[in-house]
Amino acid sequence: NCPGDLLLSFSPDVNDTQRIYTCDDLGNQTIQLWVTDAAGNQDFCETFVQVQDNMNACNGTPDVITVAGLIETEANDGVEGVMVDVNGGLLTQTTLSDGYYDFDLAQGGDYSVTPMLDEDADNGVTTYDLVLITRHILGVDLLDSPYQIIAADANKSNTVSTLDMVDIRKVILQIV
């Protein structure tokens, strides 16, 4: 519809147009932004406001901490292009070539940091990997790093088994 002016608010109540944040609210505050057209149609999105104390007006150390890390390969090389998000998308960052990420978060919160890199499944996978996994399953020569175990667990069952080998073989043969 959308004829006429649009009204913005923080709830379905079109008069709910103000929010006041204090020193107690430092960090990310989730909000809803509502839009209402002249016919009364409404919709909203959820986002956040990052409340900061850049002028040190809150007396003392702000209750904000930095959560940071590196996404690296087994050879300690930074991984570029990894999307790292906090709490399912509250904040998102993509790593540069050094693999570094950091988030300023409210101290005392409960956060989940999740990295994700969506590349081709066959990136670097060879039949030699199947040989190594076979030797691991038989106990002849165990995979010796967490990276190798995670990569070998193709079906994400938290174990390395012949089912993983079937999935990896499909990737190599491009049947997936």
N, C-alpha and C. Protein backbone atom coordinates (compact mmCIF):
# COMPACT_ATOMS: atom_id res chain seq x y z
N ASN A 1 0.84 -1.19 0.00
CA ASN A 1 0.00 0.00 0.00
C ASN A 1 0.89 1.24 0.00
N CYS A 2 1.36 1.65 1.15
CA CYS A 2 2.34 2.70 1.37
C CYS A 2 2.00 4.09 0.82
N PRO A 3 0.72 4.50 0.78
CA PRO A 3 0.48 5.89 0.38
C PRO A 3 0.82 6.83 1.54
N GLY A 4 1.27 8.03 1.25
CA GLY A 4 1.54 9.01 2.31
C GLY A 4 2.82 8.74 3.06
N ASP A 5 2.94 9.41 4.21
CA ASP A 5 4.15 9.31 5.03
C ASP A 5 4.20 7.99 5.79
N LEU A 6 5.41 7.54 6.05
CA LEU A 6 5.64 6.36 6.87
C LEU A 6 6.00 6.79 8.28
N LEU A 7 5.51 6.05 9.28
CA LEU A 7 5.82 6.34 10.67
C LEU A 7 6.78 5.28 11.19
N LEU A 8 7.83 5.72 11.88
CA LEU A 8 8.80 4.80 12.46
C LEU A 8 8.63 4.77 13.97
N SER A 9 8.71 3.58 14.56
CA SER A 9 8.56 3.45 16.01
C SER A 9 9.34 2.23 16.48
N PHE A 10 9.40 2.06 17.81
CA PHE A 10 10.12 0.93 18.40
C PHE A 10 9.19 -0.23 18.77
N SER A 11 7.90 -0.09 18.49
CA SER A 11 6.92 -1.14 18.77
C SER A 11 5.72 -0.89 17.86
N PRO A 12 4.69 -1.74 17.91
CA PRO A 12 3.50 -1.49 17.09
C PRO A 12 2.80 -0.17 17.44
N ASP A 13 3.06 0.37 18.62
CA ASP A 13 2.51 1.67 19.03
C ASP A 13 3.28 2.77 18.30
N VAL A 14 2.62 3.45 17.38
CA VAL A 14 3.30 4.47 16.56
C VAL A 14 3.81 5.64 17.38
N ASN A 15 3.36 5.79 18.62
CA ASN A 15 3.85 6.87 19.48
C ASN A 15 5.09 6.47 20.28
N ASP A 16 5.50 5.23 20.17
CA ASP A 16 6.69 4.73 20.88
C ASP A 16 7.93 5.05 20.05
N THR A 17 8.39 6.31 20.15
CA THR A 17 9.45 6.80 19.26
C THR A 17 10.74 7.18 19.96
N GLN A 18 10.87 6.91 21.25
CA GLN A 18 12.09 7.28 21.96
C GLN A 18 12.62 6.12 22.77
N ARG A 19 13.93 6.07 22.91
CA ARG A 19 14.61 5.14 23.80
C ARG A 19 15.68 5.94 24.52
N ILE A 20 15.81 5.72 25.80
CA ILE A 20 16.85 6.38 26.58
C ILE A 20 17.80 5.30 27.10
N TYR A 21 19.07 5.48 26.83
CA TYR A 21 20.09 4.54 27.29
C TYR A 21 20.98 5.23 28.30
N THR A 22 21.38 4.49 29.32
CA THR A 22 22.23 5.03 30.38
C THR A 22 23.52 4.21 30.45
N CYS A 23 24.36 4.56 31.40
CA CYS A 23 25.61 3.82 31.60
C CYS A 23 25.36 2.34 31.90
N ASP A 24 24.20 2.02 32.42
CA ASP A 24 23.87 0.62 32.71
C ASP A 24 23.61 -0.18 31.44
N ASP A 25 23.47 0.51 30.31
CA ASP A 25 23.12 -0.15 29.05
C ASP A 25 24.28 -0.28 28.08
N LEU A 26 25.53 -0.07 28.54
CA LEU A 26 26.67 -0.15 27.64
C LEU A 26 26.71 -1.51 26.96
N GLY A 27 27.09 -1.50 25.69
CA GLY A 27 27.14 -2.74 24.91
C GLY A 27 26.00 -2.78 23.92
N ASN A 28 25.73 -3.95 23.38
CA ASN A 28 24.70 -4.10 22.36
C ASN A 28 23.33 -4.27 22.99
N GLN A 29 22.39 -3.47 22.50
CA GLN A 29 21.00 -3.54 22.95
C GLN A 29 20.14 -3.89 21.74
N THR A 30 19.44 -5.00 21.82
CA THR A 30 18.56 -5.43 20.72
C THR A 30 17.30 -4.58 20.73
N ILE A 31 16.92 -4.12 19.54
CA ILE A 31 15.70 -3.31 19.41
C ILE A 31 14.90 -3.79 18.20
N GLN A 32 13.63 -3.42 18.19
CA GLN A 32 12.78 -3.63 17.03
C GLN A 32 12.50 -2.26 16.41
N LEU A 33 12.60 -2.18 15.10
CA LEU A 33 12.22 -0.96 14.37
C LEU A 33 10.97 -1.28 13.57
N TRP A 34 9.91 -0.54 13.87
CA TRP A 34 8.62 -0.75 13.21
C TRP A 34 8.36 0.36 12.21
N VAL A 35 7.73 0.02 11.10
CA VAL A 35 7.29 1.02 10.12
C VAL A 35 5.79 0.81 9.92
N THR A 36 5.06 1.93 9.88
CA THR A 36 3.61 1.91 9.71
C THR A 36 3.25 2.87 8.58
N ASP A 37 2.45 2.40 7.61
CA ASP A 37 2.03 3.30 6.53
C ASP A 37 0.69 3.95 6.89
N ALA A 38 0.22 4.84 6.02
CA ALA A 38 -1.00 5.61 6.28
C ALA A 38 -2.23 4.71 6.41
N ALA A 39 -2.19 3.52 5.81
CA ALA A 39 -3.32 2.60 5.89
C ALA A 39 -3.26 1.73 7.15
N GLY A 40 -2.21 1.90 7.96
CA GLY A 40 -2.08 1.13 9.19
C GLY A 40 -1.33 -0.18 9.04
N ASN A 41 -0.83 -0.47 7.84
CA ASN A 41 -0.03 -1.68 7.64
C ASN A 41 1.30 -1.53 8.38
N GLN A 42 1.74 -2.60 9.03
CA GLN A 42 2.97 -2.53 9.81
C GLN A 42 3.89 -3.71 9.51
N ASP A 43 5.16 -3.45 9.70
CA ASP A 43 6.15 -4.51 9.67
C ASP A 43 7.34 -4.03 10.49
N PHE A 44 8.24 -4.96 10.84
CA PHE A 44 9.38 -4.56 11.65
C PHE A 44 10.60 -5.41 11.32
N CYS A 45 11.74 -4.93 11.75
CA CYS A 45 12.96 -5.72 11.71
C CYS A 45 13.61 -5.61 13.08
N GLU A 46 14.43 -6.60 13.40
CA GLU A 46 15.15 -6.57 14.67
C GLU A 46 16.61 -6.27 14.38
N THR A 47 17.18 -5.35 15.13
CA THR A 47 18.58 -4.97 14.96
C THR A 47 19.14 -4.64 16.33
N PHE A 48 20.25 -3.95 16.38
CA PHE A 48 20.81 -3.60 17.68
C PHE A 48 21.39 -2.20 17.64
N VAL A 49 21.49 -1.62 18.80
CA VAL A 49 22.17 -0.34 19.00
C VAL A 49 23.35 -0.64 19.91
N GLN A 50 24.53 -0.20 19.50
CA GLN A 50 25.70 -0.39 20.35
C GLN A 50 25.91 0.88 21.17
N VAL A 51 25.65 0.77 22.47
CA VAL A 51 25.79 1.92 23.38
C VAL A 51 27.24 1.96 23.85
N GLN A 52 27.89 3.09 23.60
CA GLN A 52 29.30 3.26 23.94
C GLN A 52 29.49 4.44 24.87
N ASP A 53 30.59 4.45 25.56
CA ASP A 53 30.96 5.58 26.43
C ASP A 53 32.27 6.16 25.91
N ASN A 54 32.23 6.77 24.74
CA ASN A 54 33.43 7.30 24.11
C ASN A 54 34.01 8.50 24.86
N MET A 55 33.20 9.19 25.64
CA MET A 55 33.66 10.38 26.36
C MET A 55 33.96 10.06 27.83
N ASN A 56 33.92 8.79 28.22
CA ASN A 56 34.16 8.36 29.61
C ASN A 56 33.27 9.08 30.61
N ALA A 57 32.01 9.26 30.26
CA ALA A 57 31.06 9.94 31.14
C ALA A 57 30.48 8.99 32.19
N CYS A 58 30.73 7.71 32.06
CA CYS A 58 30.11 6.73 32.96
C CYS A 58 30.95 6.43 34.20
N ASN A 59 31.94 7.23 34.47
CA ASN A 59 32.77 7.06 35.67
C ASN A 59 33.29 5.64 35.81
N GLY A 60 34.50 5.46 35.44
CA GLY A 60 35.11 4.14 35.58
C GLY A 60 35.20 3.42 34.26
N THR A 61 35.66 2.22 34.35
CA THR A 61 35.86 1.41 33.16
C THR A 61 34.52 0.95 32.62
N PRO A 62 34.31 1.16 31.33
CA PRO A 62 33.05 0.69 30.75
C PRO A 62 32.95 -0.83 30.88
N ASP A 63 31.74 -1.30 31.02
CA ASP A 63 31.51 -2.73 31.16
C ASP A 63 31.46 -3.40 29.79
N VAL A 64 32.47 -3.11 28.97
CA VAL A 64 32.56 -3.68 27.63
C VAL A 64 33.88 -4.43 27.54
N ILE A 65 33.84 -5.62 27.00
CA ILE A 65 35.06 -6.40 26.81
C ILE A 65 35.23 -6.70 25.33
N THR A 66 36.46 -6.98 24.95
CA THR A 66 36.74 -7.37 23.58
C THR A 66 36.93 -8.88 23.53
N VAL A 67 36.16 -9.52 22.67
CA VAL A 67 36.33 -10.95 22.41
C VAL A 67 36.98 -11.04 21.04
N ALA A 68 38.16 -11.65 20.98
CA ALA A 68 38.92 -11.68 19.74
C ALA A 68 39.51 -13.06 19.52
N GLY A 69 39.92 -13.32 18.29
CA GLY A 69 40.54 -14.59 18.00
C GLY A 69 41.13 -14.63 16.61
N LEU A 70 41.72 -15.75 16.29
CA LEU A 70 42.31 -15.99 14.98
C LEU A 70 41.73 -17.26 14.39
N ILE A 71 41.42 -17.21 13.11
CA ILE A 71 41.03 -18.41 12.38
C ILE A 71 42.25 -18.79 11.56
N GLU A 72 42.83 -19.95 11.87
CA GLU A 72 44.07 -20.36 11.22
C GLU A 72 43.98 -21.78 10.69
N THR A 73 44.83 -22.06 9.71
CA THR A 73 44.97 -23.42 9.21
C THR A 73 45.85 -24.21 10.16
N GLU A 74 46.00 -25.48 9.89
CA GLU A 74 46.87 -26.31 10.71
C GLU A 74 48.32 -25.82 10.67
N ALA A 75 48.69 -25.14 9.58
CA ALA A 75 50.05 -24.60 9.44
C ALA A 75 50.17 -23.19 10.01
N ASN A 76 49.17 -22.75 10.78
CA ASN A 76 49.15 -21.42 11.42
C ASN A 76 49.06 -20.26 10.44
N ASP A 77 48.51 -20.49 9.27
CA ASP A 77 48.25 -19.41 8.31
C ASP A 77 46.85 -18.88 8.55
N GLY A 78 46.69 -17.55 8.54
CA GLY A 78 45.37 -16.95 8.70
C GLY A 78 44.45 -17.35 7.56
N VAL A 79 43.17 -17.49 7.86
CA VAL A 79 42.18 -17.86 6.84
C VAL A 79 41.31 -16.65 6.54
N GLU A 80 41.31 -16.25 5.29
CA GLU A 80 40.53 -15.09 4.85
C GLU A 80 39.13 -15.52 4.45
N GLY A 81 38.16 -14.63 4.68
CA GLY A 81 36.80 -14.85 4.20
C GLY A 81 35.91 -15.68 5.12
N VAL A 82 36.35 -15.91 6.35
CA VAL A 82 35.53 -16.66 7.30
C VAL A 82 34.53 -15.70 7.93
N MET A 83 33.25 -16.03 7.86
CA MET A 83 32.23 -15.21 8.50
C MET A 83 32.13 -15.66 9.96
N VAL A 84 32.38 -14.72 10.87
CA VAL A 84 32.33 -15.01 12.30
C VAL A 84 31.15 -14.24 12.86
N ASP A 85 30.22 -14.94 13.50
CA ASP A 85 29.09 -14.22 14.08
C ASP A 85 28.94 -14.51 15.56
N VAL A 86 28.30 -13.58 16.24
CA VAL A 86 28.03 -13.68 17.67
C VAL A 86 26.53 -13.87 17.85
N ASN A 87 26.17 -14.88 18.62
CA ASN A 87 24.77 -15.16 18.96
C ASN A 87 23.87 -15.21 17.74
N GLY A 88 24.26 -15.97 16.75
CA GLY A 88 23.40 -16.20 15.60
C GLY A 88 23.17 -14.99 14.72
N GLY A 89 24.11 -14.07 14.66
CA GLY A 89 24.01 -12.94 13.76
C GLY A 89 23.82 -11.60 14.42
N LEU A 90 23.85 -11.54 15.76
CA LEU A 90 23.75 -10.26 16.46
C LEU A 90 24.83 -9.32 15.93
N LEU A 91 26.04 -9.82 15.81
CA LEU A 91 27.16 -9.11 15.20
C LEU A 91 27.83 -10.09 14.24
N THR A 92 28.31 -9.58 13.12
CA THR A 92 28.99 -10.42 12.14
C THR A 92 30.21 -9.70 11.61
N GLN A 93 31.27 -10.46 11.38
CA GLN A 93 32.51 -9.93 10.83
C GLN A 93 33.09 -10.97 9.90
N THR A 94 33.79 -10.53 8.85
CA THR A 94 34.47 -11.44 7.95
C THR A 94 35.97 -11.23 8.09
N THR A 95 36.70 -12.33 8.27
CA THR A 95 38.13 -12.21 8.49
C THR A 95 38.86 -11.76 7.23
N LEU A 96 39.96 -11.04 7.44
CA LEU A 96 40.86 -10.66 6.35
C LEU A 96 41.93 -11.73 6.24
N SER A 97 43.00 -11.46 5.50
CA SER A 97 44.01 -12.49 5.24
C SER A 97 44.72 -12.98 6.50
N ASP A 98 44.73 -12.17 7.57
CA ASP A 98 45.39 -12.61 8.80
C ASP A 98 44.50 -13.51 9.66
N GLY A 99 43.21 -13.65 9.31
CA GLY A 99 42.29 -14.51 10.05
C GLY A 99 41.78 -13.93 11.36
N TYR A 100 42.11 -12.67 11.64
CA TYR A 100 41.77 -12.06 12.93
C TYR A 100 40.33 -11.54 12.94
N TYR A 101 39.67 -11.65 14.10
CA TYR A 101 38.36 -11.04 14.31
C TYR A 101 38.31 -10.50 15.73
N ASP A 102 37.46 -9.51 15.96
CA ASP A 102 37.23 -9.02 17.32
C ASP A 102 35.85 -8.37 17.42
N PHE A 103 35.26 -8.51 18.60
CA PHE A 103 33.96 -7.94 18.88
C PHE A 103 34.01 -7.26 20.24
N ASP A 104 33.42 -6.07 20.35
CA ASP A 104 33.25 -5.41 21.64
C ASP A 104 31.87 -5.78 22.16
N LEU A 105 31.84 -6.44 23.31
CA LEU A 105 30.59 -6.98 23.85
C LEU A 105 30.41 -6.54 25.30
N ALA A 106 29.17 -6.50 25.72
CA ALA A 106 28.88 -6.14 27.11
C ALA A 106 29.43 -7.23 28.03
N GLN A 107 30.14 -6.79 29.05
CA GLN A 107 30.73 -7.72 30.00
C GLN A 107 29.63 -8.48 30.75
N GLY A 108 29.87 -9.75 31.01
CA GLY A 108 28.93 -10.55 31.77
C GLY A 108 27.87 -11.24 30.93
N GLY A 109 27.86 -10.99 29.62
CA GLY A 109 26.87 -11.62 28.76
C GLY A 109 27.24 -13.05 28.42
N ASP A 110 26.30 -13.78 27.88
CA ASP A 110 26.51 -15.16 27.45
C ASP A 110 26.54 -15.15 25.93
N TYR A 111 27.70 -15.43 25.34
CA TYR A 111 27.86 -15.28 23.90
C TYR A 111 28.33 -16.58 23.26
N SER A 112 27.85 -16.83 22.05
CA SER A 112 28.34 -17.93 21.23
C SER A 112 28.99 -17.31 20.01
N VAL A 113 30.26 -17.62 19.78
CA VAL A 113 30.99 -17.13 18.62
C VAL A 113 31.09 -18.30 17.64
N THR A 114 30.57 -18.09 16.43
CA THR A 114 30.51 -19.17 15.45
C THR A 114 31.18 -18.76 14.15
N PRO A 115 32.26 -19.46 13.76
CA PRO A 115 32.89 -19.20 12.46
C PRO A 115 32.26 -20.08 11.39
N MET A 116 32.21 -19.55 10.15
CA MET A 116 31.69 -20.34 9.05
C MET A 116 32.41 -19.95 7.77
N LEU A 117 32.88 -20.96 7.05
CA LEU A 117 33.52 -20.75 5.76
C LEU A 117 32.88 -21.72 4.79
N ASP A 118 32.20 -21.18 3.80
CA ASP A 118 31.49 -22.01 2.84
C ASP A 118 32.30 -22.06 1.55
N GLU A 119 33.16 -23.05 1.45
CA GLU A 119 33.97 -23.23 0.25
C GLU A 119 33.58 -24.53 -0.42
N ASP A 120 34.14 -24.75 -1.58
CA ASP A 120 33.88 -26.00 -2.28
C ASP A 120 34.28 -27.18 -1.40
N ALA A 121 33.43 -28.18 -1.34
CA ALA A 121 33.69 -29.34 -0.49
C ALA A 121 34.94 -30.09 -0.93
N ASP A 122 35.28 -30.02 -2.21
CA ASP A 122 36.44 -30.77 -2.71
C ASP A 122 37.74 -29.99 -2.62
N ASN A 123 37.74 -28.88 -1.92
CA ASN A 123 38.93 -28.04 -1.79
C ASN A 123 40.05 -28.82 -1.09
N GLY A 124 41.00 -29.35 -1.87
CA GLY A 124 42.15 -30.04 -1.31
C GLY A 124 41.92 -31.50 -0.97
N VAL A 125 40.75 -32.05 -1.25
CA VAL A 125 40.46 -33.45 -0.91
C VAL A 125 40.96 -34.37 -2.02
N THR A 126 41.71 -35.41 -1.63
CA THR A 126 42.24 -36.36 -2.61
C THR A 126 41.99 -37.79 -2.13
N THR A 127 42.29 -38.75 -3.01
CA THR A 127 42.16 -40.15 -2.63
C THR A 127 43.16 -40.53 -1.55
N TYR A 128 44.26 -39.80 -1.44
CA TYR A 128 45.22 -40.06 -0.37
C TYR A 128 44.57 -39.83 1.00
N ASP A 129 43.64 -38.88 1.06
CA ASP A 129 42.91 -38.66 2.31
C ASP A 129 42.13 -39.91 2.71
N LEU A 130 41.57 -40.61 1.72
CA LEU A 130 40.85 -41.85 2.01
C LEU A 130 41.80 -42.91 2.57
N VAL A 131 43.02 -42.95 2.05
CA VAL A 131 44.02 -43.89 2.57
C VAL A 131 44.32 -43.58 4.03
N LEU A 132 44.54 -42.29 4.33
CA LEU A 132 44.84 -41.88 5.71
C LEU A 132 43.69 -42.19 6.66
N ILE A 133 42.46 -41.95 6.19
CA ILE A 133 41.29 -42.23 7.03
C ILE A 133 41.13 -43.73 7.26
N THR A 134 41.38 -44.54 6.23
CA THR A 134 41.32 -45.99 6.38
C THR A 134 42.31 -46.46 7.43
N ARG A 135 43.54 -45.94 7.36
CA ARG A 135 44.57 -46.33 8.33
C ARG A 135 44.17 -45.90 9.75
N HIS A 136 43.50 -44.75 9.85
CA HIS A 136 43.03 -44.26 11.15
C HIS A 136 41.95 -45.20 11.70
N ILE A 137 40.98 -45.54 10.87
CA ILE A 137 39.88 -46.41 11.31
C ILE A 137 40.40 -47.78 11.74
N LEU A 138 41.40 -48.29 11.02
CA LEU A 138 41.97 -49.60 11.35
C LEU A 138 42.93 -49.54 12.54
N GLY A 139 43.27 -48.32 12.98
CA GLY A 139 44.17 -48.16 14.11
C GLY A 139 45.64 -48.34 13.76
N VAL A 140 45.95 -48.37 12.46
CA VAL A 140 47.33 -48.56 12.00
C VAL A 140 48.14 -47.29 12.18
N ASP A 141 47.56 -46.16 11.82
CA ASP A 141 48.25 -44.87 11.89
C ASP A 141 47.18 -43.80 12.14
N LEU A 142 47.05 -43.38 13.38
CA LEU A 142 45.97 -42.46 13.75
C LEU A 142 46.21 -41.06 13.22
N LEU A 143 45.13 -40.40 12.84
CA LEU A 143 45.21 -38.98 12.49
C LEU A 143 45.66 -38.25 13.75
N ASP A 144 46.61 -37.32 13.60
CA ASP A 144 47.25 -36.79 14.80
C ASP A 144 46.95 -35.33 15.11
N SER A 145 45.93 -34.78 14.49
CA SER A 145 45.58 -33.39 14.86
C SER A 145 44.07 -33.22 14.84
N PRO A 146 43.58 -32.29 15.63
CA PRO A 146 42.13 -32.01 15.61
C PRO A 146 41.64 -31.59 14.23
N TYR A 147 42.48 -30.85 13.49
CA TYR A 147 42.09 -30.42 12.14
C TYR A 147 41.80 -31.63 11.26
N GLN A 148 42.68 -32.64 11.33
CA GLN A 148 42.50 -33.83 10.50
C GLN A 148 41.26 -34.61 10.91
N ILE A 149 41.02 -34.71 12.20
CA ILE A 149 39.84 -35.43 12.69
C ILE A 149 38.56 -34.72 12.24
N ILE A 150 38.52 -33.40 12.38
CA ILE A 150 37.34 -32.63 11.97
C ILE A 150 37.11 -32.78 10.47
N ALA A 151 38.19 -32.69 9.68
CA ALA A 151 38.07 -32.82 8.23
C ALA A 151 37.61 -34.22 7.84
N ALA A 152 38.07 -35.23 8.57
CA ALA A 152 37.70 -36.62 8.24
C ALA A 152 36.26 -36.94 8.61
N ASP A 153 35.70 -36.21 9.56
CA ASP A 153 34.32 -36.45 10.00
C ASP A 153 33.35 -35.74 9.06
N ALA A 154 33.26 -36.24 7.84
CA ALA A 154 32.50 -35.58 6.77
C ALA A 154 31.01 -35.47 7.08
N ASN A 155 30.45 -36.44 7.79
CA ASN A 155 29.02 -36.40 8.08
C ASN A 155 28.70 -35.76 9.43
N LYS A 156 29.71 -35.21 10.08
CA LYS A 156 29.55 -34.46 11.35
C LYS A 156 28.89 -35.30 12.44
N SER A 157 29.27 -36.57 12.53
CA SER A 157 28.70 -37.45 13.55
C SER A 157 29.55 -37.49 14.82
N ASN A 158 30.63 -36.74 14.84
CA ASN A 158 31.59 -36.70 15.96
C ASN A 158 32.40 -37.98 16.09
N THR A 159 32.41 -38.80 15.04
CA THR A 159 33.29 -39.96 14.96
C THR A 159 33.77 -40.08 13.52
N VAL A 160 34.91 -40.71 13.35
CA VAL A 160 35.42 -40.97 11.99
C VAL A 160 35.13 -42.43 11.68
N SER A 161 34.35 -42.66 10.61
CA SER A 161 33.93 -44.02 10.29
C SER A 161 33.93 -44.23 8.78
N THR A 162 33.59 -45.44 8.37
CA THR A 162 33.51 -45.74 6.94
C THR A 162 32.42 -44.92 6.26
N LEU A 163 31.41 -44.50 7.01
CA LEU A 163 30.38 -43.64 6.41
C LEU A 163 30.98 -42.32 5.95
N ASP A 164 31.95 -41.81 6.70
CA ASP A 164 32.64 -40.59 6.28
C ASP A 164 33.40 -40.84 4.98
N MET A 165 34.00 -42.01 4.87
CA MET A 165 34.75 -42.35 3.66
C MET A 165 33.82 -42.38 2.44
N VAL A 166 32.62 -42.90 2.63
CA VAL A 166 31.64 -42.92 1.53
C VAL A 166 31.33 -41.49 1.09
N ASP A 167 31.09 -40.60 2.06
CA ASP A 167 30.79 -39.21 1.73
C ASP A 167 31.96 -38.52 1.03
N ILE A 168 33.17 -38.76 1.51
CA ILE A 168 34.36 -38.14 0.91
C ILE A 168 34.57 -38.69 -0.50
N ARG A 169 34.35 -39.99 -0.69
CA ARG A 169 34.48 -40.59 -2.02
C ARG A 169 33.49 -39.92 -2.99
N LYS A 170 32.28 -39.64 -2.54
CA LYS A 170 31.29 -38.96 -3.39
C LYS A 170 31.78 -37.57 -3.78
N VAL A 171 32.42 -36.88 -2.84
CA VAL A 171 32.95 -35.54 -3.15
C VAL A 171 34.04 -35.64 -4.20
N ILE A 172 34.96 -36.59 -4.02
CA ILE A 172 36.06 -36.75 -4.98
C ILE A 172 35.52 -37.10 -6.36
N LEU A 173 34.51 -37.95 -6.42
CA LEU A 173 33.92 -38.36 -7.71
C LEU A 173 32.89 -37.35 -8.22
N GLN A 174 32.68 -36.31 -7.45
CA GLN A 174 31.73 -35.23 -7.79
C GLN A 174 30.32 -35.77 -8.02
N ILE A 175 29.88 -36.66 -7.11
CA ILE A 175 28.52 -37.18 -7.17
C ILE A 175 27.63 -36.46 -6.16
N VAL A 176 28.17 -35.52 -5.45
CA VAL A 176 27.40 -34.82 -4.42
C VAL A 176 26.68 -33.66 -5.04
